[in-house]
Protein backbone atom coordinates (compact mmCIF):
# COMPACT_ATOMS: atom_id res chain seq x y z
CA GLY A 1 -66.59 35.36 9.87
CA VAL A 2 -68.54 32.21 10.52
CA VAL A 3 -69.67 30.73 13.83
CA VAL A 4 -70.79 27.07 13.88
CA ASP A 5 -72.31 25.10 16.75
CA LEU A 6 -72.70 21.32 16.30
CA ALA A 7 -75.18 19.14 18.18
CA GLY A 8 -75.23 15.60 16.80
CA ASN A 9 -76.97 15.62 13.41
CA VAL A 10 -77.93 19.30 13.53
CA ALA A 11 -75.85 22.45 13.52
CA ALA A 12 -76.38 26.19 13.61
CA ALA A 13 -74.19 28.68 11.79
CA GLU A 14 -73.96 32.45 11.57
CA SER A 15 -72.19 33.79 8.46
CA ASN A 16 -71.44 37.45 7.82
CA GLY A 17 -71.27 38.95 4.36
CA VAL A 18 -71.08 42.13 2.36
CA ALA A 19 -72.88 42.51 -0.96
CA VAL A 20 -72.18 45.17 -3.58
CA HIS A 21 -75.08 46.14 -5.84
CA ARG A 22 -74.11 48.12 -8.92
CA SER A 23 -76.37 49.35 -11.71
CA ASP A 24 -76.25 51.73 -14.67
CA ASP A 25 -79.38 53.28 -13.15
CA PRO A 26 -78.18 56.00 -10.71
CA SER A 27 -80.90 55.23 -8.13
CA PRO A 28 -79.39 54.83 -4.63
CA HIS A 29 -81.65 51.80 -4.13
CA LEU A 30 -79.79 50.04 -6.96
CA ASN A 31 -76.24 51.18 -6.12
CA LEU A 32 -75.26 50.28 -2.60
CA VAL A 33 -73.11 48.20 -0.33
CA THR A 34 -74.97 46.22 2.30
CA GLY A 35 -73.89 44.12 5.25
CA PHE A 36 -75.85 41.03 6.18
CA ARG A 37 -75.84 37.79 8.13
CA TYR A 38 -77.18 34.35 7.30
CA LEU A 39 -78.52 32.32 10.21
CA ASP A 40 -78.52 28.70 9.03
CA ARG A 41 -79.79 25.47 10.53
CA PHE A 42 -78.00 22.47 9.04
CA GLU A 43 -79.11 18.86 9.22
CA ARG A 44 -77.12 15.74 8.43
CA ARG A 45 -79.23 13.27 6.47
CA ASP A 46 -77.79 9.98 5.24
CA GLY A 47 -74.32 11.30 6.08
CA THR A 48 -74.68 14.52 4.08
CA TRP A 49 -74.89 17.99 5.64
CA ALA A 50 -77.28 20.48 4.05
CA ILE A 51 -78.98 23.74 4.95
CA ALA A 52 -82.45 22.92 6.28
CA GLU A 53 -83.46 26.50 7.07
CA ARG A 54 -81.94 29.91 6.30
CA THR A 55 -82.79 33.37 7.61
CA GLY A 56 -81.22 36.45 6.03
CA VAL A 57 -80.66 39.39 8.38
CA ALA A 58 -79.89 42.86 6.99
CA SER A 59 -77.39 44.74 9.16
CA TRP A 60 -76.63 47.97 7.29
CA SER A 61 -76.66 49.60 3.84
CA LEU A 62 -74.62 52.41 2.32
CA PRO A 63 -75.60 54.07 -0.97
CA ILE A 64 -72.70 54.75 -3.35
CA THR A 65 -72.30 56.73 -6.54
CA ALA A 66 -70.42 55.82 -9.73
CA ASP A 67 -67.46 58.05 -8.81
CA GLN A 68 -66.95 55.98 -5.64
CA TRP A 69 -66.29 52.67 -7.47
CA TRP A 70 -62.78 51.33 -7.75
CA ASP A 71 -61.19 48.21 -9.19
CA ALA A 72 -59.99 45.44 -6.89
CA PRO A 73 -56.24 45.50 -6.21
CA THR A 74 -54.32 43.46 -8.78
CA ASP A 75 -52.46 41.52 -6.07
CA HIS A 76 -55.72 39.99 -4.74
CA VAL A 77 -56.83 36.54 -5.83
CA ALA A 78 -59.87 36.89 -8.08
CA GLY A 79 -62.95 34.80 -7.39
CA ARG A 80 -64.61 32.84 -10.19
CA ARG A 81 -67.95 31.14 -10.71
CA ASP A 82 -66.49 27.82 -11.83
CA HIS A 83 -64.11 25.09 -10.62
CA ASP A 84 -61.13 27.43 -11.05
CA ASP A 85 -62.29 29.38 -7.97
CA PRO A 86 -59.76 29.05 -5.09
CA LEU A 87 -62.43 27.32 -2.97
CA TYR A 88 -62.08 24.16 -5.05
CA ALA A 89 -58.34 23.93 -4.38
CA LEU A 90 -59.06 24.26 -0.65
CA LEU A 91 -61.76 21.57 -0.77
CA GLY A 92 -59.46 19.33 -2.80
CA SER A 93 -56.75 19.70 -0.15
CA LEU A 94 -59.23 18.21 2.33
CA GLY A 95 -59.82 15.22 0.08
CA ALA A 96 -63.24 16.38 -1.07
CA ASP A 97 -64.57 14.55 -4.11
CA LEU A 98 -65.23 17.31 -6.62
């Protein structure tokens, strides 16, 4: 989830995330799931919002082994690292100029 608090031309946000780290090396330090938060301070400059400061906060970590991996369910929407990612359709629906 994300929490945002606006105050004029500045804002604060807390975002929660989970990161999966997977390696061919069996070390538990390289194969883990970790929970984290970003604490961001945004500033609006010349009408554009941007992150002015970011703090990463580690919440928890769980080592995993290769036999604990599984594929994502096929009925889930897959993320992408290009403009075909579902985020761009959402932004476009808001009238964002992509």
